[in-house]
Amino acid sequence: MDADIIESTAGEVAAELARRGIDPNRRVVMAVEPDDWLSRGHAALRPLVEAAGLTDAQLDLLIKDGRRAANEAMRLGNAPA
């Protein structure tokens, strides 16, 4: 299995892993983000997104592309340290 980044809530982690067919006894690594980390990041970047004239759909596509690139880099062992 390749390395993969999965975003989920704490309450949905087990269900998401099960949905992906990951054995419940397999060891996994998780990172717990501060509660407001993502909201603060979004709020800080919103003026830049608006200034660039991007729609929410375009921003979502950029984020999805970035995740895909990060997953590929991890799979190839080229993830930044």
PDB file of N, CA and C in Angstrom:
ATOM      1  N   MET A   1       0.841  -1.185   0.000  1.00  0.00           N
ATOM      2  CA  MET A   1       0.000   0.000   0.000  1.00  0.00           C
ATOM      3  C   MET A   1       0.879   1.239   0.000  1.00  0.00           C
ATOM      4  N   ASP A   2       0.532   2.204  -0.817  1.00  0.00           N
ATOM      5  CA  ASP A   2       1.264   3.462  -0.871  1.00  0.00           C
ATOM      6  C   ASP A   2       0.868   4.347   0.302  1.00  0.00           C
ATOM      7  N   ALA A   3       1.751   5.269   0.669  1.00  0.00           N
ATOM      8  CA  ALA A   3       1.415   6.241   1.705  1.00  0.00           C
ATOM      9  C   ALA A   3       0.283   7.109   1.192  1.00  0.00           C
ATOM     10  N   ASP A   4      -0.607   7.500   2.069  1.00  0.00           N
ATOM     11  CA  ASP A   4      -1.764   8.294   1.671  1.00  0.00           C
ATOM     12  C   ASP A   4      -2.099   9.266   2.787  1.00  0.00           C
ATOM     13  N   ILE A   5      -2.531  10.465   2.421  1.00  0.00           N
ATOM     14  CA  ILE A   5      -2.982  11.454   3.388  1.00  0.00           C
ATOM     15  C   ILE A   5      -4.500  11.379   3.426  1.00  0.00           C
ATOM     16  N   ILE A   6      -5.044  11.191   4.627  1.00  0.00           N
ATOM     17  CA  ILE A   6      -6.487  11.077   4.797  1.00  0.00           C
ATOM     18  C   ILE A   6      -6.921  12.154   5.778  1.00  0.00           C
ATOM     19  N   GLU A   7      -7.885  12.974   5.387  1.00  0.00           N
ATOM     20  CA  GLU A   7      -8.461  13.950   6.314  1.00  0.00           C
ATOM     21  C   GLU A   7      -9.773  13.396   6.829  1.00  0.00           C
ATOM     22  N   SER A   8      -9.950  13.450   8.134  1.00  0.00           N
ATOM     23  CA  SER A   8     -11.162  12.920   8.746  1.00  0.00           C
ATOM     24  C   SER A   8     -11.349  13.565  10.103  1.00  0.00           C
ATOM     25  N   THR A   9     -12.489  13.328  10.691  1.00  0.00           N
ATOM     26  CA  THR A   9     -12.691  13.744  12.074  1.00  0.00           C
ATOM     27  C   THR A   9     -12.284  12.591  12.976  1.00  0.00           C
ATOM     28  N   ALA A  10     -12.017  12.891  14.227  1.00  0.00           N
ATOM     29  CA  ALA A  10     -11.616  11.854  15.172  1.00  0.00           C
ATOM     30  C   ALA A  10     -12.675  10.752  15.255  1.00  0.00           C
ATOM     31  N   GLY A  11     -13.932  11.140  15.213  1.00  0.00           N
ATOM     32  CA  GLY A  11     -15.012  10.167  15.330  1.00  0.00           C
ATOM     33  C   GLY A  11     -15.179   9.277  14.115  1.00  0.00           C
ATOM     34  N   GLU A  12     -14.624   9.677  12.984  1.00  0.00           N
ATOM     35  CA  GLU A  12     -14.797   8.924  11.748  1.00  0.00           C
ATOM     36  C   GLU A  12     -13.548   8.155  11.308  1.00  0.00           C
ATOM     37  N   VAL A  13     -12.461   8.219  12.078  1.00  0.00           N
ATOM     38  CA  VAL A  13     -11.204   7.584  11.678  1.00  0.00           C
ATOM     39  C   VAL A  13     -11.368   6.087  11.443  1.00  0.00           C
ATOM     40  N   ALA A  14     -11.916   5.367  12.401  1.00  0.00           N
ATOM     41  CA  ALA A  14     -12.052   3.908  12.273  1.00  0.00           C
ATOM     42  C   ALA A  14     -12.914   3.541  11.069  1.00  0.00           C
ATOM     43  N   ALA A  15     -14.007   4.274  10.868  1.00  0.00           N
ATOM     44  CA  ALA A  15     -14.894   3.986   9.736  1.00  0.00           C
ATOM     45  C   ALA A  15     -14.181   4.242   8.406  1.00  0.00           C
ATOM     46  N   GLU A  16     -13.398   5.306   8.344  1.00  0.00           N
ATOM     47  CA  GLU A  16     -12.674   5.620   7.102  1.00  0.00           C
ATOM     48  C   GLU A  16     -11.626   4.560   6.796  1.00  0.00           C
ATOM     49  N   LEU A  17     -10.905   4.127   7.812  1.00  0.00           N
ATOM     50  CA  LEU A  17      -9.907   3.072   7.604  1.00  0.00           C
ATOM     51  C   LEU A  17     -10.582   1.771   7.174  1.00  0.00           C
ATOM     52  N   ALA A  18     -11.700   1.452   7.792  1.00  0.00           N
ATOM     53  CA  ALA A  18     -12.441   0.241   7.418  1.00  0.00           C
ATOM     54  C   ALA A  18     -12.945   0.342   5.984  1.00  0.00           C
ATOM     55  N   ARG A  19     -13.438   1.518   5.600  1.00  0.00           N
ATOM     56  CA  ARG A  19     -13.925   1.730   4.236  1.00  0.00           C
ATOM     57  C   ARG A  19     -12.824   1.479   3.218  1.00  0.00           C
ATOM     58  N   ARG A  20     -11.586   1.804   3.592  1.00  0.00           N
ATOM     59  CA  ARG A  20     -10.436   1.609   2.699  1.00  0.00           C
ATOM     60  C   ARG A  20      -9.872   0.194   2.780  1.00  0.00           C
ATOM     61  N   GLY A  21     -10.491  -0.638   3.628  1.00  0.00           N
ATOM     62  CA  GLY A  21     -10.059  -2.025   3.729  1.00  0.00           C
ATOM     63  C   GLY A  21      -8.793  -2.229   4.536  1.00  0.00           C
ATOM     64  N   ILE A  22      -8.475  -1.299   5.411  1.00  0.00           N
ATOM     65  CA  ILE A  22      -7.263  -1.402   6.229  1.00  0.00           C
ATOM     66  C   ILE A  22      -7.578  -2.251   7.462  1.00  0.00           C
ATOM     67  N   ASP A  23      -6.781  -3.272   7.657  1.00  0.00           N
ATOM     68  CA  ASP A  23      -6.970  -4.196   8.783  1.00  0.00           C
ATOM     69  C   ASP A  23      -6.961  -3.418  10.098  1.00  0.00           C
ATOM     70  N   PRO A  24      -7.925  -3.662  10.980  1.00  0.00           N
ATOM     71  CA  PRO A  24      -7.990  -2.935  12.254  1.00  0.00           C
ATOM     72  C   PRO A  24      -6.752  -3.131  13.136  1.00  0.00           C
ATOM     73  N   ASN A  25      -5.972  -4.178  12.908  1.00  0.00           N
ATOM     74  CA  ASN A  25      -4.769  -4.425  13.699  1.00  0.00           C
ATOM     75  C   ASN A  25      -3.517  -3.798  13.091  1.00  0.00           C
ATOM     76  N   ARG A  26      -3.649  -3.228  11.900  1.00  0.00           N
ATOM     77  CA  ARG A  26      -2.496  -2.591  11.240  1.00  0.00           C
ATOM     78  C   ARG A  26      -2.182  -1.264  11.934  1.00  0.00           C
ATOM     79  N   ARG A  27      -0.898  -1.005  12.128  1.00  0.00           N
ATOM     80  CA  ARG A  27      -0.480   0.260  12.751  1.00  0.00           C
ATOM     81  C   ARG A  27      -0.604   1.384  11.733  1.00  0.00           C
ATOM     82  N   VAL A  28      -1.094   2.539  12.182  1.00  0.00           N
ATOM     83  CA  VAL A  28      -1.214   3.726  11.345  1.00  0.00           C
ATOM     84  C   VAL A  28      -0.611   4.916  12.093  1.00  0.00           C
ATOM     85  N   VAL A  29      -0.269   5.953  11.371  1.00  0.00           N
ATOM     86  CA  VAL A  29       0.267   7.181  11.965  1.00  0.00           C
ATOM     87  C   VAL A  29      -0.755   8.283  11.730  1.00  0.00           C
ATOM     88  N   MET A  30      -1.052   9.048  12.770  1.00  0.00           N
ATOM     89  CA  MET A  30      -2.009  10.148  12.656  1.00  0.00           C
ATOM     90  C   MET A  30      -1.379  11.425  13.185  1.00  0.00           C
ATOM     91  N   ALA A  31      -1.821  12.545  12.646  1.00  0.00           N
ATOM     92  CA  ALA A  31      -1.435  13.862  13.164  1.00  0.00           C
ATOM     93  C   ALA A  31      -2.705  14.562  13.605  1.00  0.00           C
ATOM     94  N   VAL A  32      -2.695  15.102  14.788  1.00  0.00           N
ATOM     95  CA  VAL A  32      -3.854  15.823  15.297  1.00  0.00           C
ATOM     96  C   VAL A  32      -3.528  17.312  15.209  1.00  0.00           C
ATOM     97  N   GLU A  33      -4.336  18.026  14.419  1.00  0.00           N
ATOM     98  CA  GLU A  33      -4.107  19.450  14.221  1.00  0.00           C
ATOM     99  C   GLU A  33      -4.800  20.250  15.321  1.00  0.00           C
ATOM    100  N   PRO A  34      -4.248  21.428  15.643  1.00  0.00           N
ATOM    101  CA  PRO A  34      -4.943  22.296  16.602  1.00  0.00           C
ATOM    102  C   PRO A  34      -6.347  22.605  16.080  1.00  0.00           C
ATOM    103  N   ASP A  35      -7.291  22.789  16.992  1.00  0.00           N
ATOM    104  CA  ASP A  35      -8.690  22.996  16.616  1.00  0.00           C
ATOM    105  C   ASP A  35      -8.892  24.098  15.585  1.00  0.00           C
ATOM    106  N   ASP A  36      -8.189  25.203  15.726  1.00  0.00           N
ATOM    107  CA  ASP A  36      -8.460  26.330  14.842  1.00  0.00           C
ATOM    108  C   ASP A  36      -7.419  26.515  13.748  1.00  0.00           C
ATOM    109  N   TRP A  37      -6.512  25.575  13.590  1.00  0.00           N
ATOM    110  CA  TRP A  37      -5.420  25.699  12.621  1.00  0.00           C
ATOM    111  C   TRP A  37      -5.941  25.917  11.206  1.00  0.00           C
ATOM    112  N   LEU A  38      -6.859  25.078  10.769  1.00  0.00           N
ATOM    113  CA  LEU A  38      -7.372  25.174   9.418  1.00  0.00           C
ATOM    114  C   LEU A  38      -8.198  26.441   9.226  1.00  0.00           C
ATOM    115  N   SER A  39      -9.025  26.790  10.209  1.00  0.00           N
ATOM    116  CA  SER A  39      -9.845  28.003  10.081  1.00  0.00           C
ATOM    117  C   SER A  39      -8.979  29.257  10.004  1.00  0.00           C
ATOM    118  N   ARG A  40      -7.930  29.302  10.821  1.00  0.00           N
ATOM    119  CA  ARG A  40      -7.039  30.478  10.775  1.00  0.00           C
ATOM    120  C   ARG A  40      -6.344  30.565   9.429  1.00  0.00           C
ATOM    121  N   GLY A  41      -5.934  29.416   8.890  1.00  0.00           N
ATOM    122  CA  GLY A  41      -5.287  29.412   7.576  1.00  0.00           C
ATOM    123  C   GLY A  41      -6.224  29.890   6.484  1.00  0.00           C
ATOM    124  N   HIS A  42      -7.453  29.405   6.515  1.00  0.00           N
ATOM    125  CA  HIS A  42      -8.443  29.839   5.521  1.00  0.00           C
ATOM    126  C   HIS A  42      -8.703  31.339   5.625  1.00  0.00           C
ATOM    127  N   ALA A  43      -8.866  31.833   6.839  1.00  0.00           N
ATOM    128  CA  ALA A  43      -9.147  33.255   7.041  1.00  0.00           C
ATOM    129  C   ALA A  43      -7.987  34.119   6.555  1.00  0.00           C
ATOM    130  N   ALA A  44      -6.759  33.671   6.803  1.00  0.00           N
ATOM    131  CA  ALA A  44      -5.584  34.433   6.385  1.00  0.00           C
ATOM    132  C   ALA A  44      -5.429  34.452   4.860  1.00  0.00           C
ATOM    133  N   LEU A  45      -5.802  33.366   4.210  1.00  0.00           N
ATOM    134  CA  LEU A  45      -5.627  33.267   2.758  1.00  0.00           C
ATOM    135  C   LEU A  45      -6.803  33.805   1.952  1.00  0.00           C
ATOM    136  N   ARG A  46      -7.961  33.949   2.577  1.00  0.00           N
ATOM    137  CA  ARG A  46      -9.161  34.399   1.844  1.00  0.00           C
ATOM    138  C   ARG A  46      -8.915  35.687   1.057  1.00  0.00           C
ATOM    139  N   PRO A  47      -8.283  36.746   1.627  1.00  0.00           N
ATOM    140  CA  PRO A  47      -8.051  37.962   0.837  1.00  0.00           C
ATOM    141  C   PRO A  47      -7.183  37.707  -0.407  1.00  0.00           C
ATOM    142  N   LEU A  48      -6.218  36.808  -0.294  1.00  0.00           N
ATOM    143  CA  LEU A  48      -5.362  36.490  -1.450  1.00  0.00           C
ATOM    144  C   LEU A  48      -6.147  35.760  -2.528  1.00  0.00           C
ATOM    145  N   VAL A  49      -7.024  34.859  -2.103  1.00  0.00           N
ATOM    146  CA  VAL A  49      -7.847  34.105  -3.046  1.00  0.00           C
ATOM    147  C   VAL A  49      -8.788  35.053  -3.783  1.00  0.00           C
ATOM    148  N   GLU A  50      -9.418  35.954  -3.031  1.00  0.00           N
ATOM    149  CA  GLU A  50     -10.330  36.917  -3.643  1.00  0.00           C
ATOM    150  C   GLU A  50      -9.587  37.862  -4.578  1.00  0.00           C
ATOM    151  N   ALA A  51      -8.391  38.305  -4.162  1.00  0.00           N
ATOM    152  CA  ALA A  51      -7.599  39.214  -4.998  1.00  0.00           C
ATOM    153  C   ALA A  51      -7.180  38.542  -6.307  1.00  0.00           C
ATOM    154  N   ALA A  52      -6.960  37.232  -6.256  1.00  0.00           N
ATOM    155  CA  ALA A  52      -6.580  36.485  -7.459  1.00  0.00           C
ATOM    156  C   ALA A  52      -7.786  36.192  -8.341  1.00  0.00           C
ATOM    157  N   GLY A  53      -8.987  36.493  -7.834  1.00  0.00           N
ATOM    158  CA  GLY A  53     -10.197  36.261  -8.607  1.00  0.00           C
ATOM    159  C   GLY A  53     -10.597  34.801  -8.713  1.00  0.00           C
ATOM    160  N   LEU A  54     -10.146  33.981  -7.760  1.00  0.00           N
ATOM    161  CA  LEU A  54     -10.476  32.555  -7.787  1.00  0.00           C
ATOM    162  C   LEU A  54     -11.832  32.294  -7.153  1.00  0.00           C
ATOM    163  N   THR A  55     -12.555  31.364  -7.716  1.00  0.00           N
ATOM    164  CA  THR A  55     -13.815  30.918  -7.116  1.00  0.00           C
ATOM    165  C   THR A  55     -13.508  29.832  -6.092  1.00  0.00           C
ATOM    166  N   ASP A  56     -14.484  29.510  -5.255  1.00  0.00           N
ATOM    167  CA  ASP A  56     -14.307  28.422  -4.289  1.00  0.00           C
ATOM    168  C   ASP A  56     -14.032  27.106  -5.013  1.00  0.00           C
ATOM    169  N   ALA A  57     -14.697  26.887  -6.147  1.00  0.00           N
ATOM    170  CA  ALA A  57     -14.493  25.650  -6.911  1.00  0.00           C
ATOM    171  C   ALA A  57     -13.059  25.572  -7.439  1.00  0.00           C
ATOM    172  N   GLN A  58     -12.536  26.696  -7.908  1.00  0.00           N
ATOM    173  CA  GLN A  58     -11.151  26.710  -8.395  1.00  0.00           C
ATOM    174  C   GLN A  58     -10.171  26.468  -7.255  1.00  0.00           C
ATOM    175  N   LEU A  59     -10.442  27.059  -6.106  1.00  0.00           N
ATOM    176  CA  LEU A  59      -9.584  26.849  -4.940  1.00  0.00           C
ATOM    177  C   LEU A  59      -9.621  25.390  -4.506  1.00  0.00           C
ATOM    178  N   ASP A  60     -10.813  24.795  -4.482  1.00  0.00           N
ATOM    179  CA  ASP A  60     -10.935  23.380  -4.127  1.00  0.00           C
ATOM    180  C   ASP A  60     -10.121  22.512  -5.079  1.00  0.00           C
ATOM    181  N   LEU A  61     -10.132  22.843  -6.367  1.00  0.00           N
ATOM    182  CA  LEU A  61      -9.367  22.083  -7.354  1.00  0.00           C
ATOM    183  C   LEU A  61      -7.866  22.213  -7.099  1.00  0.00           C
ATOM    184  N   LEU A  62      -7.407  23.414  -6.764  1.00  0.00           N
ATOM    185  CA  LEU A  62      -5.990  23.611  -6.447  1.00  0.00           C
ATOM    186  C   LEU A  62      -5.579  22.793  -5.222  1.00  0.00           C
ATOM    187  N   ILE A  63      -6.439  22.768  -4.210  1.00  0.00           N
ATOM    188  CA  ILE A  63      -6.150  21.992  -3.001  1.00  0.00           C
ATOM    189  C   ILE A  63      -6.096  20.509  -3.333  1.00  0.00           C
ATOM    190  N   LYS A  64      -7.059  20.038  -4.124  1.00  0.00           N
ATOM    191  CA  LYS A  64      -7.091  18.629  -4.513  1.00  0.00           C
ATOM    192  C   LYS A  64      -5.829  18.255  -5.303  1.00  0.00           C
ATOM    193  N   ASP A  65      -5.410  19.136  -6.224  1.00  0.00           N
ATOM    194  CA  ASP A  65      -4.190  18.885  -6.990  1.00  0.00           C
ATOM    195  C   ASP A  65      -2.965  18.835  -6.085  1.00  0.00           C
ATOM    196  N   GLY A  66      -2.917  19.718  -5.089  1.00  0.00           N
ATOM    197  CA  GLY A  66      -1.809  19.730  -4.148  1.00  0.00           C
ATOM    198  C   GLY A  66      -1.749  18.458  -3.322  1.00  0.00           C
ATOM    199  N   ARG A  67      -2.905  17.976  -2.892  1.00  0.00           N
ATOM    200  CA  ARG A  67      -2.946  16.717  -2.138  1.00  0.00           C
ATOM    201  C   ARG A  67      -2.468  15.563  -3.002  1.00  0.00           C
ATOM    202  N   ARG A  68      -2.928  15.555  -4.249  1.00  0.00           N
ATOM    203  CA  ARG A  68      -2.524  14.486  -5.169  1.00  0.00           C
ATOM    204  C   ARG A  68      -1.001  14.494  -5.365  1.00  0.00           C
ATOM    205  N   ALA A  69      -0.435  15.691  -5.538  1.00  0.00           N
ATOM    206  CA  ALA A  69       1.015  15.812  -5.716  1.00  0.00           C
ATOM    207  C   ALA A  69       1.761  15.368  -4.454  1.00  0.00           C
ATOM    208  N   ALA A  70       1.242  15.724  -3.280  1.00  0.00           N
ATOM    209  CA  ALA A  70       1.882  15.319  -2.023  1.00  0.00           C
ATOM    210  C   ALA A  70       1.836  13.807  -1.853  1.00  0.00           C
ATOM    211  N   ASN A  71       0.697  13.208  -2.169  1.00  0.00           N
ATOM    212  CA  ASN A  71       0.581  11.748  -2.073  1.00  0.00           C
ATOM    213  C   ASN A  71       1.551  11.064  -3.021  1.00  0.00           C
ATOM    214  N   GLU A  72       1.674  11.576  -4.236  1.00  0.00           N
ATOM    215  CA  GLU A  72       2.592  10.988  -5.218  1.00  0.00           C
ATOM    216  C   GLU A  72       4.039  11.116  -4.734  1.00  0.00           C
ATOM    217  N   ALA A  73       4.396  12.279  -4.181  1.00  0.00           N
ATOM    218  CA  ALA A  73       5.756  12.480  -3.675  1.00  0.00           C
ATOM    219  C   ALA A  73       6.049  11.515  -2.529  1.00  0.00           C
ATOM    220  N   MET A  74       5.071  11.293  -1.644  1.00  0.00           N
ATOM    221  CA  MET A  74       5.258  10.354  -0.544  1.00  0.00           C
ATOM    222  C   MET A  74       5.421   8.941  -1.087  1.00  0.00           C
ATOM    223  N   ARG A  75       4.603   8.594  -2.095  1.00  0.00           N
ATOM    224  CA  ARG A  75       4.674   7.249  -2.669  1.00  0.00           C
ATOM    225  C   ARG A  75       6.046   6.998  -3.289  1.00  0.00           C
ATOM    226  N   LEU A  76       6.608   8.028  -3.912  1.00  0.00           N
ATOM    227  CA  LEU A  76       7.904   7.884  -4.557  1.00  0.00           C
ATOM    228  C   LEU A  76       9.075   8.116  -3.606  1.00  0.00           C
ATOM    229  N   GLY A  77       8.776   8.472  -2.380  1.00  0.00           N
ATOM    230  CA  GLY A  77       9.846   8.730  -1.407  1.00  0.00           C
ATOM    231  C   GLY A  77      10.490  10.084  -1.590  1.00  0.00           C
ATOM    232  N   ASN A  78       9.768  11.024  -2.235  1.00  0.00           N
ATOM    233  CA  ASN A  78      10.321  12.358  -2.487  1.00  0.00           C
ATOM    234  C   ASN A  78       9.662  13.435  -1.633  1.00  0.00           C
ATOM    235  N   ALA A  79       8.990  13.038  -0.574  1.00  0.00           N
ATOM    236  CA  ALA A  79       8.312  14.021   0.266  1.00  0.00           C
ATOM    237  C   ALA A  79       9.335  14.895   0.973  1.00  0.00           C
ATOM    238  N   PRO A  80       9.072  16.202   1.073  1.00  0.00           N
ATOM    239  CA  PRO A  80      10.007  17.073   1.785  1.00  0.00           C
ATOM    240  C   PRO A  80      10.077  16.719   3.252  1.00  0.00           C
ATOM    241  N   ALA A  81      11.235  16.914   3.850  1.00  0.00           N
ATOM    242  CA  ALA A  81      11.428  16.598   5.273  1.00  0.00           C
ATOM    243  C   ALA A  81      10.885  17.683   6.147  1.00  0.00           C
TER     244      ALA A  81
END
